[in-house]
């Protein structure tokens, strides 16, 4: 499948699997990040050093390693780029409903 194919670049919801080949790790990262979306990603590997490199390089709000769709309610969930706004679940979700204000007053 071509790297720029619509099915590869769009955020799809449903039982869909898009498969694209790559030559090396840097190309895999470029292909995975070449999208205006970044909700979630998955890495399947037996090399934990590679897993750490890839999870750090992928622009996604959640990155699963050797698993899929496992995420307790205590962890924030949300995407990067055009994938949603803010985070759902966890105390971080409360930030969506808050307007924080700092007021400094000097007494004379």
C-alpha atoms as a PDB file:
ATOM      1  CA  UNK A   1       0.000   0.000   0.000  1.00  0.00           C
ATOM      2  CA  UNK A   2       1.435   3.433  -0.865  1.00  0.00           C
ATOM      3  CA  UNK A   3       2.589   5.496   2.149  1.00  0.00           C
ATOM      4  CA  UNK A   4       0.386   8.453   1.177  1.00  0.00           C
ATOM      5  CA  UNK A   5      -2.779   6.377   0.720  1.00  0.00           C
ATOM      6  CA  UNK A   6      -5.887   7.846   2.324  1.00  0.00           C
ATOM      7  CA  UNK A   7      -6.454   4.791   4.534  1.00  0.00           C
ATOM      8  CA  UNK A   8      -2.937   5.201   5.984  1.00  0.00           C
ATOM      9  CA  UNK A   9      -3.147   8.946   6.701  1.00  0.00           C
ATOM     10  CA  UNK A  10      -6.710   9.259   8.080  1.00  0.00           C
ATOM     11  CA  UNK A  11      -8.012   8.518  11.558  1.00  0.00           C
ATOM     12  CA  UNK A  12     -10.246   5.476  11.152  1.00  0.00           C
ATOM     13  CA  UNK A  13     -12.489   3.955  13.789  1.00  0.00           C
ATOM     14  CA  UNK A  14     -13.531   0.370  13.318  1.00  0.00           C
ATOM     15  CA  UNK A  15     -12.038  -3.005  12.542  1.00  0.00           C
ATOM     16  CA  UNK A  16      -9.570  -1.799   9.901  1.00  0.00           C
ATOM     17  CA  UNK A  17      -5.963  -2.832   9.367  1.00  0.00           C
ATOM     18  CA  UNK A  18      -3.761  -0.798   7.054  1.00  0.00           C
ATOM     19  CA  UNK A  19      -0.354  -2.369   6.389  1.00  0.00           C
ATOM     20  CA  UNK A  20       2.586  -0.504   4.871  1.00  0.00           C
ATOM     21  CA  UNK A  21       6.137  -1.802   4.602  1.00  0.00           C
ATOM     22  CA  UNK A  22       9.261   0.056   5.676  1.00  0.00           C
ATOM     23  CA  UNK A  23      13.006  -0.396   5.234  1.00  0.00           C
ATOM     24  CA  UNK A  24      14.349   0.758   8.604  1.00  0.00           C
ATOM     25  CA  UNK A  25      13.309   2.267  11.929  1.00  0.00           C
ATOM     26  CA  UNK A  26      13.652   5.941  10.890  1.00  0.00           C
ATOM     27  CA  UNK A  27      11.399   5.319   7.875  1.00  0.00           C
ATOM     28  CA  UNK A  28       8.841   3.509  10.053  1.00  0.00           C
ATOM     29  CA  UNK A  29       8.736   6.522  12.379  1.00  0.00           C
ATOM     30  CA  UNK A  30       8.351   8.959   9.459  1.00  0.00           C
ATOM     31  CA  UNK A  31       5.502   6.886   8.000  1.00  0.00           C
ATOM     32  CA  UNK A  32       3.721   6.553  11.341  1.00  0.00           C
ATOM     33  CA  UNK A  33       3.983  10.281  12.083  1.00  0.00           C
ATOM     34  CA  UNK A  34       3.006  11.384   8.557  1.00  0.00           C
ATOM     35  CA  UNK A  35      -0.590  12.129   9.486  1.00  0.00           C
ATOM     36  CA  UNK A  36      -2.472  15.120  10.847  1.00  0.00           C
ATOM     37  CA  UNK A  37      -3.751  12.791  13.593  1.00  0.00           C
ATOM     38  CA  UNK A  38      -2.129  11.133  16.580  1.00  0.00           C
ATOM     39  CA  UNK A  39      -4.629   9.423  18.846  1.00  0.00           C
ATOM     40  CA  UNK A  40      -2.869   6.117  19.464  1.00  0.00           C
ATOM     41  CA  UNK A  41      -0.132   3.894  18.095  1.00  0.00           C
ATOM     42  CA  UNK A  42       1.160   0.392  18.677  1.00  0.00           C
ATOM     43  CA  UNK A  43       4.626  -1.121  18.635  1.00  0.00           C
ATOM     44  CA  UNK A  44       5.155  -4.868  18.429  1.00  0.00           C
ATOM     45  CA  UNK A  45       8.719  -5.947  19.197  1.00  0.00           C
ATOM     46  CA  UNK A  46      10.827  -8.256  21.353  1.00  0.00           C
ATOM     47  CA  UNK A  47      13.539  -5.560  21.549  1.00  0.00           C
ATOM     48  CA  UNK A  48      12.746  -3.279  24.495  1.00  0.00           C
ATOM     49  CA  UNK A  49      15.464  -0.810  23.459  1.00  0.00           C
ATOM     50  CA  UNK A  50      13.654  -0.396  20.135  1.00  0.00           C
ATOM     51  CA  UNK A  51      10.350  -0.081  22.009  1.00  0.00           C
ATOM     52  CA  UNK A  52      11.726   2.813  24.065  1.00  0.00           C
ATOM     53  CA  UNK A  53      13.126   4.566  20.978  1.00  0.00           C
ATOM     54  CA  UNK A  54       9.912   4.142  19.012  1.00  0.00           C
ATOM     55  CA  UNK A  55       7.488   5.123  21.778  1.00  0.00           C
ATOM     56  CA  UNK A  56       9.462   8.308  22.345  1.00  0.00           C
ATOM     57  CA  UNK A  57       9.515   9.159  18.632  1.00  0.00           C
ATOM     58  CA  UNK A  58       5.857   8.445  17.811  1.00  0.00           C
ATOM     59  CA  UNK A  59       3.563  11.494  17.941  1.00  0.00           C
ATOM     60  CA  UNK A  60       0.558   9.842  19.559  1.00  0.00           C
ATOM     61  CA  UNK A  61      -1.243  10.426  22.838  1.00  0.00           C
ATOM     62  CA  UNK A  62      -1.092   6.729  23.724  1.00  0.00           C
ATOM     63  CA  UNK A  63       1.446   4.189  22.512  1.00  0.00           C
ATOM     64  CA  UNK A  64       0.893   0.533  23.332  1.00  0.00           C
ATOM     65  CA  UNK A  65       3.821  -1.889  23.311  1.00  0.00           C
ATOM     66  CA  UNK A  66       3.011  -5.535  22.569  1.00  0.00           C
ATOM     67  CA  UNK A  67      -0.637  -4.984  23.459  1.00  0.00           C
ATOM     68  CA  UNK A  68      -3.625  -3.062  22.206  1.00  0.00           C
ATOM     69  CA  UNK A  69      -6.383  -0.991  23.778  1.00  0.00           C
ATOM     70  CA  UNK A  70      -5.296  -1.601  27.368  1.00  0.00           C
ATOM     71  CA  UNK A  71      -5.664   1.536  29.398  1.00  0.00           C
ATOM     72  CA  UNK A  72      -7.058   1.864  32.935  1.00  0.00           C
ATOM     73  CA  UNK A  73      -9.346   4.748  33.831  1.00  0.00           C
ATOM     74  CA  UNK A  74      -6.647   6.308  35.998  1.00  0.00           C
ATOM     75  CA  UNK A  75      -4.497   7.086  32.954  1.00  0.00           C
ATOM     76  CA  UNK A  76      -5.185  10.041  30.650  1.00  0.00           C
ATOM     77  CA  UNK A  77      -6.392   9.293  27.132  1.00  0.00           C
ATOM     78  CA  UNK A  78      -6.323  11.726  24.244  1.00  0.00           C
ATOM     79  CA  UNK A  79      -4.450  12.480  21.091  1.00  0.00           C
ATOM     80  CA  UNK A  80      -1.905  14.816  19.605  1.00  0.00           C
ATOM     81  CA  UNK A  81      -2.299  17.082  16.582  1.00  0.00           C
ATOM     82  CA  UNK A  82      -5.893  16.995  15.251  1.00  0.00           C
ATOM     83  CA  UNK A  83      -6.942  14.002  17.376  1.00  0.00           C
ATOM     84  CA  UNK A  84      -9.258  15.498  19.922  1.00  0.00           C
ATOM     85  CA  UNK A  85      -8.544  18.209  22.424  1.00  0.00           C
ATOM     86  CA  UNK A  86      -7.272  17.687  25.925  1.00  0.00           C
ATOM     87  CA  UNK A  87      -7.454  14.402  27.766  1.00  0.00           C
ATOM     88  CA  UNK A  88     -10.313  12.163  28.869  1.00  0.00           C
ATOM     89  CA  UNK A  89     -10.242  10.249  32.148  1.00  0.00           C
ATOM     90  CA  UNK A  90      -7.829  10.815  35.045  1.00  0.00           C
ATOM     91  CA  UNK A  91      -7.304  14.067  36.949  1.00  0.00           C
ATOM     92  CA  UNK A  92      -5.853  15.609  33.744  1.00  0.00           C
ATOM     93  CA  UNK A  93      -9.358  15.624  32.238  1.00  0.00           C
ATOM     94  CA  UNK A  94     -10.423  18.200  34.838  1.00  0.00           C
ATOM     95  CA  UNK A  95      -8.129  20.766  33.198  1.00  0.00           C
ATOM     96  CA  UNK A  96     -10.649  20.940  30.343  1.00  0.00           C
ATOM     97  CA  UNK A  97     -13.223  22.407  32.711  1.00  0.00           C
ATOM     98  CA  UNK A  98     -10.932  24.818  34.546  1.00  0.00           C
ATOM     99  CA  UNK A  99      -9.725  28.312  33.814  1.00  0.00           C
ATOM    100  CA  UNK A 100      -6.790  28.811  36.112  1.00  0.00           C
ATOM    101  CA  UNK A 101      -5.970  32.309  37.230  1.00  0.00           C
ATOM    102  CA  UNK A 102      -3.079  33.623  39.267  1.00  0.00           C
ATOM    103  CA  UNK A 103      -3.443  36.947  41.073  1.00  0.00           C
ATOM    104  CA  UNK A 104      -0.473  38.630  42.723  1.00  0.00           C
ATOM    105  CA  UNK A 105      -1.148  41.456  45.164  1.00  0.00           C
ATOM    106  CA  UNK A 106       1.434  43.561  46.950  1.00  0.00           C
ATOM    107  CA  UNK A 107       0.347  45.113  50.238  1.00  0.00           C
ATOM    108  CA  UNK A 108       1.850  48.447  51.221  1.00  0.00           C
END
